Structure formats: C-alpha cells, structure tokens
PDB file of all heavy atoms in Angstrom:
ATOM      1  N   LEU A   1       0.833  -1.192   0.000  1.00  0.00           N
ATOM      2  CA  LEU A   1       0.000   0.000   0.000  1.00  0.00           C
ATOM      3  C   LEU A   1       0.872   1.248   0.000  1.00  0.00           C
ATOM      4  O   LEU A   1       1.882   1.313   0.706  1.00  0.00           O
ATOM      5  CB  LEU A   1      -0.919   0.037   1.221  1.00  0.00           C
ATOM      6  CG  LEU A   1      -1.918  -1.104   1.372  1.00  0.00           C
ATOM      7  CD1 LEU A   1      -2.843  -0.833   2.558  1.00  0.00           C
ATOM      8  CD2 LEU A   1      -2.730  -1.314   0.105  1.00  0.00           C
ATOM      9  N   ALA A   2       0.485   2.234  -0.817  1.00  0.00           N
ATOM     10  CA  ALA A   2       1.032   3.587  -0.721  1.00  0.00           C
ATOM     11  C   ALA A   2      -0.101   4.466  -0.215  1.00  0.00           C
ATOM     12  O   ALA A   2      -1.235   4.359  -0.697  1.00  0.00           O
ATOM     13  CB  ALA A   2       1.526   4.074  -2.077  1.00  0.00           C
ATOM     14  N   PHE A   3       0.199   5.304   0.759  1.00  0.00           N
ATOM     15  CA  PHE A   3      -0.873   6.123   1.317  1.00  0.00           C
ATOM     16  C   PHE A   3      -0.325   7.421   1.874  1.00  0.00           C
ATOM     17  O   PHE A   3       0.877   7.565   2.136  1.00  0.00           O
ATOM     18  CB  PHE A   3      -1.643   5.352   2.392  1.00  0.00           C
ATOM     19  CG  PHE A   3      -0.846   4.927   3.595  1.00  0.00           C
ATOM     20  CD1 PHE A   3      -0.829   5.709   4.749  1.00  0.00           C
ATOM     21  CD2 PHE A   3      -0.123   3.744   3.591  1.00  0.00           C
ATOM     22  CE1 PHE A   3      -0.100   5.324   5.867  1.00  0.00           C
ATOM     23  CE2 PHE A   3       0.612   3.349   4.704  1.00  0.00           C
ATOM     24  CZ  PHE A   3       0.624   4.139   5.844  1.00  0.00           C
ATOM     25  N   SER A   4      -1.229   8.369   2.033  1.00  0.00           N
ATOM     26  CA  SER A   4      -0.884   9.648   2.639  1.00  0.00           C
ATOM     27  C   SER A   4      -1.640   9.771   3.955  1.00  0.00           C
ATOM     28  O   SER A   4      -2.688   9.150   4.153  1.00  0.00           O
ATOM     29  CB  SER A   4      -1.258  10.803   1.708  1.00  0.00           C
ATOM     30  OG  SER A   4      -2.649  10.788   1.418  1.00  0.00           O
ATOM     31  N   ALA A   5      -1.097  10.597   4.841  1.00  0.00           N
ATOM     32  CA  ALA A   5      -1.741  10.849   6.132  1.00  0.00           C
ATOM     33  C   ALA A   5      -1.232  12.174   6.665  1.00  0.00           C
ATOM     34  O   ALA A   5      -0.074  12.548   6.425  1.00  0.00           O
ATOM     35  CB  ALA A   5      -1.452   9.732   7.133  1.00  0.00           C
ATOM     36  N   PRO A   6      -2.046  12.912   7.401  1.00  0.00           N
ATOM     37  CA  PRO A   6      -1.587  14.179   7.974  1.00  0.00           C
ATOM     38  C   PRO A   6      -0.405  13.968   8.923  1.00  0.00           C
ATOM     39  O   PRO A   6      -0.272  12.906   9.540  1.00  0.00           O
ATOM     40  CB  PRO A   6      -2.818  14.681   8.741  1.00  0.00           C
ATOM     41  CG  PRO A   6      -3.985  13.951   8.143  1.00  0.00           C
ATOM     42  CD  PRO A   6      -3.454  12.619   7.715  1.00  0.00           C
ATOM     43  N   VAL A   7       0.423  14.990   9.029  1.00  0.00           N
ATOM     44  CA  VAL A   7       1.548  14.927   9.966  1.00  0.00           C
ATOM     45  C   VAL A   7       1.058  14.646  11.384  1.00  0.00           C
ATOM     46  O   VAL A   7       1.693  13.908  12.144  1.00  0.00           O
ATOM     47  CB  VAL A   7       2.348  16.246   9.914  1.00  0.00           C
ATOM     48  CG1 VAL A   7       3.413  16.281  11.020  1.00  0.00           C
ATOM     49  CG2 VAL A   7       2.992  16.423   8.544  1.00  0.00           C
ATOM     50  N   SER A   8      -0.092  15.194  11.718  1.00  0.00           N
ATOM     51  CA  SER A   8      -0.651  14.995  13.058  1.00  0.00           C
ATOM     52  C   SER A   8      -1.035  13.544  13.332  1.00  0.00           C
ATOM     53  O   SER A   8      -1.280  13.169  14.485  1.00  0.00           O
ATOM     54  CB  SER A   8      -1.885  15.884  13.257  1.00  0.00           C
ATOM     55  OG  SER A   8      -2.887  15.572  12.302  1.00  0.00           O
ATOM     56  N   ALA A   9      -1.076  12.724  12.284  1.00  0.00           N
ATOM     57  CA  ALA A   9      -1.497  11.322  12.433  1.00  0.00           C
ATOM     58  C   ALA A   9      -0.310  10.365  12.500  1.00  0.00           C
ATOM     59  O   ALA A   9      -0.505   9.148  12.406  1.00  0.00           O
ATOM     60  CB  ALA A   9      -2.416  10.930  11.290  1.00  0.00           C
ATOM     61  N   ARG A  10       0.899  10.852  12.674  1.00  0.00           N
ATOM     62  CA  ARG A  10       2.067   9.961  12.645  1.00  0.00           C
ATOM     63  C   ARG A  10       1.986   8.865  13.693  1.00  0.00           C
ATOM     64  O   ARG A  10       2.303   7.704  13.418  1.00  0.00           O
ATOM     65  CB  ARG A  10       3.359  10.766  12.803  1.00  0.00           C
ATOM     66  CG  ARG A  10       3.716  11.549  11.550  1.00  0.00           C
ATOM     67  CD  ARG A  10       5.015  12.308  11.687  1.00  0.00           C
ATOM     68  NE  ARG A  10       5.316  13.040  10.462  1.00  0.00           N
ATOM     69  CZ  ARG A  10       6.354  13.854  10.294  1.00  0.00           C
ATOM     70  NH1 ARG A  10       7.224  14.019  11.304  1.00  0.00           N
ATOM     71  NH2 ARG A  10       6.550  14.477   9.153  1.00  0.00           N
ATOM     72  N   GLN A  11       1.584   9.196  14.889  1.00  0.00           N
ATOM     73  CA  GLN A  11       1.460   8.170  15.919  1.00  0.00           C
ATOM     74  C   GLN A  11       0.346   7.190  15.584  1.00  0.00           C
ATOM     75  O   GLN A  11       0.485   5.983  15.815  1.00  0.00           O
ATOM     76  CB  GLN A  11       1.214   8.815  17.285  1.00  0.00           C
ATOM     77  CG  GLN A  11       2.425   9.539  17.848  1.00  0.00           C
ATOM     78  CD  GLN A  11       2.201  10.021  19.276  1.00  0.00           C
ATOM     79  OE1 GLN A  11       1.074  10.069  19.766  1.00  0.00           O
ATOM     80  NE2 GLN A  11       3.285  10.377  19.951  1.00  0.00           N
ATOM     81  N   ALA A  12      -0.752   7.693  15.023  1.00  0.00           N
ATOM     82  CA  ALA A  12      -1.864   6.827  14.646  1.00  0.00           C
ATOM     83  C   ALA A  12      -1.461   5.887  13.513  1.00  0.00           C
ATOM     84  O   ALA A  12      -1.882   4.726  13.482  1.00  0.00           O
ATOM     85  CB  ALA A  12      -3.067   7.670  14.235  1.00  0.00           C
ATOM     86  N   VAL A  13      -0.641   6.373  12.585  1.00  0.00           N
ATOM     87  CA  VAL A  13      -0.149   5.509  11.492  1.00  0.00           C
ATOM     88  C   VAL A  13       0.689   4.375  12.067  1.00  0.00           C
ATOM     89  O   VAL A  13       0.531   3.203  11.681  1.00  0.00           O
ATOM     90  CB  VAL A  13       0.673   6.332  10.476  1.00  0.00           C
ATOM     91  CG1 VAL A  13       1.429   5.399   9.526  1.00  0.00           C
ATOM     92  CG2 VAL A  13      -0.234   7.257   9.676  1.00  0.00           C
ATOM     93  N   GLN A  14       1.582   4.688  12.976  1.00  0.00           N
ATOM     94  CA  GLN A  14       2.424   3.643  13.559  1.00  0.00           C
ATOM     95  C   GLN A  14       1.600   2.669  14.397  1.00  0.00           C
ATOM     96  O   GLN A  14       1.878   1.467  14.418  1.00  0.00           O
ATOM     97  CB  GLN A  14       3.532   4.274  14.398  1.00  0.00           C
ATOM     98  CG  GLN A  14       4.546   5.065  13.582  1.00  0.00           C
ATOM     99  CD  GLN A  14       5.199   4.245  12.479  1.00  0.00           C
ATOM    100  OE1 GLN A  14       5.493   3.055  12.656  1.00  0.00           O
ATOM    101  NE2 GLN A  14       5.414   4.862  11.323  1.00  0.00           N
ATOM    102  N   ALA A  15       0.558   3.179  15.051  1.00  0.00           N
ATOM    103  CA  ALA A  15      -0.327   2.288  15.807  1.00  0.00           C
ATOM    104  C   ALA A  15      -1.065   1.346  14.867  1.00  0.00           C
ATOM    105  O   ALA A  15      -1.227   0.150  15.165  1.00  0.00           O
ATOM    106  CB  ALA A  15      -1.321   3.109  16.622  1.00  0.00           C
ATOM    107  N   ALA A  16      -1.504   1.853  13.708  1.00  0.00           N
ATOM    108  CA  ALA A  16      -2.162   1.006  12.715  1.00  0.00           C
ATOM    109  C   ALA A  16      -1.206  -0.046  12.181  1.00  0.00           C
ATOM    110  O   ALA A  16      -1.579  -1.209  11.977  1.00  0.00           O
ATOM    111  CB  ALA A  16      -2.693   1.867  11.564  1.00  0.00           C
ATOM    112  N   ALA A  17       0.043   0.342  11.965  1.00  0.00           N
ATOM    113  CA  ALA A  17       1.053  -0.601  11.484  1.00  0.00           C
ATOM    114  C   ALA A  17       1.292  -1.716  12.499  1.00  0.00           C
ATOM    115  O   ALA A  17       1.398  -2.897  12.136  1.00  0.00           O
ATOM    116  CB  ALA A  17       2.357   0.139  11.179  1.00  0.00           C
ATOM    117  N   ARG A  18       1.367  -1.349  13.768  1.00  0.00           N
ATOM    118  CA  ARG A  18       1.557  -2.370  14.809  1.00  0.00           C
ATOM    119  C   ARG A  18       0.341  -3.277  14.898  1.00  0.00           C
ATOM    120  O   ARG A  18       0.477  -4.510  15.042  1.00  0.00           O
ATOM    121  CB  ARG A  18       1.827  -1.697  16.156  1.00  0.00           C
ATOM    122  CG  ARG A  18       3.186  -1.034  16.261  1.00  0.00           C
ATOM    123  CD  ARG A  18       3.487  -0.643  17.703  1.00  0.00           C
ATOM    124  NE  ARG A  18       2.545   0.344  18.213  1.00  0.00           N
ATOM    125  CZ  ARG A  18       2.705   1.661  18.101  1.00  0.00           C
ATOM    126  NH1 ARG A  18       3.753   2.158  17.468  1.00  0.00           N
ATOM    127  NH2 ARG A  18       1.811   2.481  18.632  1.00  0.00           N
ATOM    128  N   GLN A  19      -0.842  -2.700  14.825  1.00  0.00           N
ATOM    129  CA  GLN A  19      -2.066  -3.500  14.881  1.00  0.00           C
ATOM    130  C   GLN A  19      -2.121  -4.510  13.748  1.00  0.00           C
ATOM    131  O   GLN A  19      -2.563  -5.658  13.944  1.00  0.00           O
ATOM    132  CB  GLN A  19      -3.279  -2.566  14.803  1.00  0.00           C
ATOM    133  CG  GLN A  19      -4.629  -3.278  14.811  1.00  0.00           C
ATOM    134  CD  GLN A  19      -5.777  -2.298  14.656  1.00  0.00           C
ATOM    135  OE1 GLN A  19      -5.690  -1.129  15.040  1.00  0.00           O
ATOM    136  NE2 GLN A  19      -6.881  -2.747  14.074  1.00  0.00           N
ATOM    137  N   ALA A  20      -1.650  -4.112  12.573  1.00  0.00           N
ATOM    138  CA  ALA A  20      -1.683  -4.993  11.398  1.00  0.00           C
ATOM    139  C   ALA A  20      -0.419  -5.833  11.268  1.00  0.00           C
ATOM    140  O   ALA A  20      -0.314  -6.637  10.332  1.00  0.00           O
ATOM    141  CB  ALA A  20      -1.871  -4.155  10.132  1.00  0.00           C
ATOM    142  N   ALA A  21       0.530  -5.668  12.182  1.00  0.00           N
ATOM    143  CA  ALA A  21       1.812  -6.382  12.130  1.00  0.00           C
ATOM    144  C   ALA A  21       2.474  -6.201  10.768  1.00  0.00           C
ATOM    145  O   ALA A  21       3.018  -7.144  10.176  1.00  0.00           O
ATOM    146  CB  ALA A  21       1.612  -7.870  12.440  1.00  0.00           C
ATOM    147  N   THR A  22       2.429  -4.974  10.259  1.00  0.00           N
ATOM    148  CA  THR A  22       2.984  -4.648   8.948  1.00  0.00           C
ATOM    149  C   THR A  22       3.794  -3.363   9.051  1.00  0.00           C
ATOM    150  O   THR A  22       3.243  -2.319   9.421  1.00  0.00           O
ATOM    151  CB  THR A  22       1.870  -4.437   7.908  1.00  0.00           C
ATOM    152  OG1 THR A  22       1.059  -5.604   7.839  1.00  0.00           O
ATOM    153  CG2 THR A  22       2.450  -4.153   6.535  1.00  0.00           C
ATOM    154  N   PRO A  23       5.088  -3.398   8.759  1.00  0.00           N
ATOM    155  CA  PRO A  23       5.878  -2.164   8.845  1.00  0.00           C
ATOM    156  C   PRO A  23       5.469  -1.159   7.780  1.00  0.00           C
ATOM    157  O   PRO A  23       5.070  -1.534   6.668  1.00  0.00           O
ATOM    158  CB  PRO A  23       7.312  -2.651   8.614  1.00  0.00           C
ATOM    159  CG  PRO A  23       7.160  -3.918   7.826  1.00  0.00           C
ATOM    160  CD  PRO A  23       5.892  -4.550   8.307  1.00  0.00           C
ATOM    161  N   VAL A  24       5.557   0.112   8.105  1.00  0.00           N
ATOM    162  CA  VAL A  24       5.336   1.182   7.135  1.00  0.00           C
ATOM    163  C   VAL A  24       6.520   2.133   7.201  1.00  0.00           C
ATOM    164  O   VAL A  24       7.155   2.287   8.250  1.00  0.00           O
ATOM    165  CB  VAL A  24       4.016   1.939   7.379  1.00  0.00           C
ATOM    166  CG1 VAL A  24       2.834   0.998   7.294  1.00  0.00           C
ATOM    167  CG2 VAL A  24       4.032   2.672   8.712  1.00  0.00           C
ATOM    168  N   THR A  25       6.825   2.769   6.077  1.00  0.00           N
ATOM    169  CA  THR A  25       7.969   3.674   5.980  1.00  0.00           C
ATOM    170  C   THR A  25       7.518   4.999   5.379  1.00  0.00           C
ATOM    171  O   THR A  25       6.852   5.020   4.344  1.00  0.00           O
ATOM    172  CB  THR A  25       9.077   3.072   5.100  1.00  0.00           C
ATOM    173  OG1 THR A  25       9.447   1.786   5.612  1.00  0.00           O
ATOM    174  CG2 THR A  25      10.301   3.976   5.062  1.00  0.00           C
ATOM    175  N   ARG A  26       7.883   6.089   6.031  1.00  0.00           N
ATOM    176  CA  ARG A  26       7.574   7.420   5.508  1.00  0.00           C
ATOM    177  C   ARG A  26       8.650   7.796   4.496  1.00  0.00           C
ATOM    178  O   ARG A  26       9.837   7.850   4.834  1.00  0.00           O
ATOM    179  CB  ARG A  26       7.504   8.421   6.662  1.00  0.00           C
ATOM    180  CG  ARG A  26       7.185   9.842   6.252  1.00  0.00           C
ATOM    181  CD  ARG A  26       6.628  10.622   7.448  1.00  0.00           C
ATOM    182  NE  ARG A  26       7.433  10.451   8.654  1.00  0.00           N
ATOM    183  CZ  ARG A  26       8.436  11.245   9.024  1.00  0.00           C
ATOM    184  NH1 ARG A  26       8.770  12.278   8.244  1.00  0.00           N
ATOM    185  NH2 ARG A  26       9.089  11.027  10.149  1.00  0.00           N
ATOM    186  N   ILE A  27       8.258   8.052   3.254  1.00  0.00           N
ATOM    187  CA  ILE A  27       9.227   8.275   2.177  1.00  0.00           C
ATOM    188  C   ILE A  27       9.116   9.644   1.529  1.00  0.00           C
ATOM    189  O   ILE A  27       9.871   9.941   0.596  1.00  0.00           O
ATOM    190  CB  ILE A  27       9.095   7.192   1.077  1.00  0.00           C
ATOM    191  CG1 ILE A  27       7.705   7.231   0.433  1.00  0.00           C
ATOM    192  CG2 ILE A  27       9.412   5.806   1.621  1.00  0.00           C
ATOM    193  CD1 ILE A  27       7.605   6.393  -0.823  1.00  0.00           C
ATOM    194  N   GLY A  28       8.204  10.490   1.999  1.00  0.00           N
ATOM    195  CA  GLY A  28       8.088  11.794   1.369  1.00  0.00           C
ATOM    196  C   GLY A  28       6.916  12.578   1.891  1.00  0.00           C
ATOM    197  O   GLY A  28       6.369  12.283   2.967  1.00  0.00           O
ATOM    198  N   CYS A  29       6.533  13.602   1.133  1.00  0.00           N
ATOM    199  CA  CYS A  29       5.424  14.455   1.546  1.00  0.00           C
ATOM    200  C   CYS A  29       4.615  14.894   0.333  1.00  0.00           C
ATOM    201  O   CYS A  29       5.106  14.893  -0.804  1.00  0.00           O
ATOM    202  CB  CYS A  29       5.936  15.668   2.315  1.00  0.00           C
ATOM    203  SG  CYS A  29       6.986  16.762   1.349  1.00  0.00           S
ATOM    204  N   ILE A  30       3.372  15.259   0.596  1.00  0.00           N
ATOM    205  CA  ILE A  30       2.472  15.760  -0.436  1.00  0.00           C
ATOM    206  C   ILE A  30       2.690  17.261  -0.585  1.00  0.00           C
ATOM    207  O   ILE A  30       2.806  17.995   0.404  1.00  0.00           O
ATOM    208  CB  ILE A  30       1.003  15.474  -0.057  1.00  0.00           C
ATOM    209  CG1 ILE A  30       0.754  13.960   0.016  1.00  0.00           C
ATOM    210  CG2 ILE A  30       0.054  16.128  -1.063  1.00  0.00           C
ATOM    211  CD1 ILE A  30       0.858  13.229  -1.307  1.00  0.00           C
ATOM    212  N   ASP A  31       2.754  17.718  -1.844  1.00  0.00           N
ATOM    213  CA  ASP A  31       2.966  19.133  -2.156  1.00  0.00           C
ATOM    214  C   ASP A  31       1.729  19.723  -2.817  1.00  0.00           C
ATOM    215  O   ASP A  31       0.965  19.005  -3.486  1.00  0.00           O
ATOM    216  CB  ASP A  31       4.143  19.310  -3.120  1.00  0.00           C
ATOM    217  CG  ASP A  31       5.427  18.682  -2.612  1.00  0.00           C
ATOM    218  OD1 ASP A  31       5.654  18.728  -1.387  1.00  0.00           O
ATOM    219  OD2 ASP A  31       6.189  18.156  -3.449  1.00  0.00           O
ATOM    220  N   ALA A  32       1.570  21.029  -2.675  1.00  0.00           N
ATOM    221  CA  ALA A  32       0.494  21.713  -3.391  1.00  0.00           C
ATOM    222  C   ALA A  32       0.795  21.768  -4.884  1.00  0.00           C
ATOM    223  O   ALA A  32      -0.114  21.709  -5.723  1.00  0.00           O
ATOM    224  CB  ALA A  32       0.303  23.120  -2.832  1.00  0.00           C
ATOM    225  N   GLU A  33       2.081  21.871  -5.238  1.00  0.00           N
ATOM    226  CA  GLU A  33       2.484  21.958  -6.645  1.00  0.00           C
ATOM    227  C   GLU A  33       2.339  20.586  -7.313  1.00  0.00           C
ATOM    228  O   GLU A  33       2.888  19.593  -6.822  1.00  0.00           O
ATOM    229  CB  GLU A  33       3.934  22.417  -6.748  1.00  0.00           C
ATOM    230  CG  GLU A  33       4.443  22.508  -8.175  1.00  0.00           C
ATOM    231  CD  GLU A  33       5.932  22.802  -8.245  1.00  0.00           C
ATOM    232  OE1 GLU A  33       6.545  23.031  -7.174  1.00  0.00           O
ATOM    233  OE2 GLU A  33       6.482  22.773  -9.355  1.00  0.00           O
ATOM    234  N   PRO A  34       1.604  20.500  -8.423  1.00  0.00           N
ATOM    235  CA  PRO A  34       1.455  19.216  -9.106  1.00  0.00           C
ATOM    236  C   PRO A  34       2.804  18.650  -9.550  1.00  0.00           C
ATOM    237  O   PRO A  34       3.798  19.370  -9.677  1.00  0.00           O
ATOM    238  CB  PRO A  34       0.578  19.566 -10.315  1.00  0.00           C
ATOM    239  CG  PRO A  34      -0.138  20.810  -9.919  1.00  0.00           C
ATOM    240  CD  PRO A  34       0.837  21.573  -9.068  1.00  0.00           C
ATOM    241  N   GLY A  35       2.844  17.347  -9.779  1.00  0.00           N
ATOM    242  CA  GLY A  35       4.060  16.696 -10.236  1.00  0.00           C
ATOM    243  C   GLY A  35       4.693  15.861  -9.145  1.00  0.00           C
ATOM    244  O   GLY A  35       4.316  15.942  -7.971  1.00  0.00           O
ATOM    245  N   LEU A  36       5.683  15.077  -9.554  1.00  0.00           N
ATOM    246  CA  LEU A  36       6.359  14.161  -8.634  1.00  0.00           C
ATOM    247  C   LEU A  36       7.848  14.447  -8.695  1.00  0.00           C
ATOM    248  O   LEU A  36       8.474  14.326  -9.756  1.00  0.00           O
ATOM    249  CB  LEU A  36       6.062  12.712  -9.039  1.00  0.00           C
ATOM    250  CG  LEU A  36       6.513  11.596  -8.115  1.00  0.00           C
ATOM    251  CD1 LEU A  36       6.013  11.804  -6.696  1.00  0.00           C
ATOM    252  CD2 LEU A  36       6.015  10.252  -8.645  1.00  0.00           C
ATOM    253  N   ARG A  37       8.411  14.845  -7.570  1.00  0.00           N
ATOM    254  CA  ARG A  37       9.817  15.218  -7.493  1.00  0.00           C
ATOM    255  C   ARG A  37      10.588  14.183  -6.676  1.00  0.00           C
ATOM    256  O   ARG A  37      10.147  13.799  -5.581  1.00  0.00           O
ATOM    257  CB  ARG A  37       9.949  16.607  -6.867  1.00  0.00           C
ATOM    258  CG  ARG A  37       9.458  17.712  -7.797  1.00  0.00           C
ATOM    259  CD  ARG A  37       9.036  18.953  -7.074  1.00  0.00           C
ATOM    260  NE  ARG A  37       7.769  18.760  -6.392  1.00  0.00           N
ATOM    261  CZ  ARG A  37       6.571  18.824  -6.998  1.00  0.00           C
ATOM    262  NH1 ARG A  37       6.500  19.059  -8.281  1.00  0.00           N
ATOM    263  NH2 ARG A  37       5.457  18.640  -6.309  1.00  0.00           N
ATOM    264  N   LEU A  38      11.734  13.760  -7.213  1.00  0.00           N
ATOM    265  CA  LEU A  38      12.556  12.739  -6.569  1.00  0.00           C
ATOM    266  C   LEU A  38      13.864  13.363  -6.125  1.00  0.00           C
ATOM    267  O   LEU A  38      14.560  14.007  -6.920  1.00  0.00           O
ATOM    268  CB  LEU A  38      12.847  11.593  -7.545  1.00  0.00           C
ATOM    269  CG  LEU A  38      11.634  10.937  -8.218  1.00  0.00           C
ATOM    270  CD1 LEU A  38      12.088   9.866  -9.196  1.00  0.00           C
ATOM    271  CD2 LEU A  38      10.692  10.355  -7.181  1.00  0.00           C
ATOM    272  N   LEU A  39      14.211  13.165  -4.841  1.00  0.00           N
ATOM    273  CA  LEU A  39      15.435  13.718  -4.295  1.00  0.00           C
ATOM    274  C   LEU A  39      16.408  12.602  -3.934  1.00  0.00           C
ATOM    275  O   LEU A  39      16.001  11.520  -3.497  1.00  0.00           O
ATOM    276  CB  LEU A  39      15.138  14.539  -3.035  1.00  0.00           C
ATOM    277  CG  LEU A  39      14.148  15.698  -3.186  1.00  0.00           C
ATOM    278  CD1 LEU A  39      14.014  16.439  -1.863  1.00  0.00           C
ATOM    279  CD2 LEU A  39      14.556  16.637  -4.306  1.00  0.00           C
ATOM    280  N   ASP A  40      17.717  12.879  -4.105  1.00  0.00           N
ATOM    281  CA  ASP A  40      18.726  11.897  -3.713  1.00  0.00           C
ATOM    282  C   ASP A  40      19.154  12.148  -2.259  1.00  0.00           C
ATOM    283  O   ASP A  40      18.570  12.977  -1.549  1.00  0.00           O
ATOM    284  CB  ASP A  40      19.918  11.924  -4.669  1.00  0.00           C
ATOM    285  CG  ASP A  40      20.664  13.253  -4.665  1.00  0.00           C
ATOM    286  OD1 ASP A  40      20.479  14.054  -3.713  1.00  0.00           O
ATOM    287  OD2 ASP A  40      21.435  13.501  -5.608  1.00  0.00           O
ATOM    288  N   ALA A  41      20.197  11.457  -1.813  1.00  0.00           N
ATOM    289  CA  ALA A  41      20.630  11.543  -0.420  1.00  0.00           C
ATOM    290  C   ALA A  41      21.111  12.937  -0.041  1.00  0.00           C
ATOM    291  O   ALA A  41      21.101  13.307   1.140  1.00  0.00           O
ATOM    292  CB  ALA A  41      21.734  10.525  -0.156  1.00  0.00           C
ATOM    293  N   ASP A  42      21.526  13.744  -1.047  1.00  0.00           N
ATOM    294  CA  ASP A  42      21.994  15.109  -0.796  1.00  0.00           C
ATOM    295  C   ASP A  42      20.888  16.140  -0.951  1.00  0.00           C
ATOM    296  O   ASP A  42      21.159  17.349  -0.910  1.00  0.00           O
ATOM    297  CB  ASP A  42      23.145  15.447  -1.750  1.00  0.00           C
ATOM    298  CG  ASP A  42      24.349  14.537  -1.544  1.00  0.00           C
ATOM    299  OD1 ASP A  42      24.660  14.252  -0.360  1.00  0.00           O
ATOM    300  OD2 ASP A  42      24.950  14.099  -2.542  1.00  0.00           O
ATOM    301  N   GLY A  43      19.656  15.659  -1.167  1.00  0.00           N
ATOM    302  CA  GLY A  43      18.549  16.587  -1.347  1.00  0.00           C
ATOM    303  C   GLY A  43      18.480  17.199  -2.731  1.00  0.00           C
ATOM    304  O   GLY A  43      17.727  18.160  -2.954  1.00  0.00           O
TER     305      GLY A  43
END
C-alpha cells in the first residue's frame, strides 16, 4: 500500500502498522504543486 496521512497522524499511522503487524515507511510528503519530485541523499 502507498498512502498519505496528515503529519498529526504519525502516531496513529504507527499504531495502525503495529495492529496490522505490517511495517510502514515514511518516504516523502504531499505538495500543493502538481508533479512528482525525486530527491537523492543530498537533497
């Protein structure tokens, strides 16, 4: 699954992950500007 969630829900996301015994990883953020931007380790 790929999903978005408000920053305020970070603890709730991790609680859902524990409940489902499924790890989740935060990999980015949603922007107002359309398009998909990819950053490397140096930003």
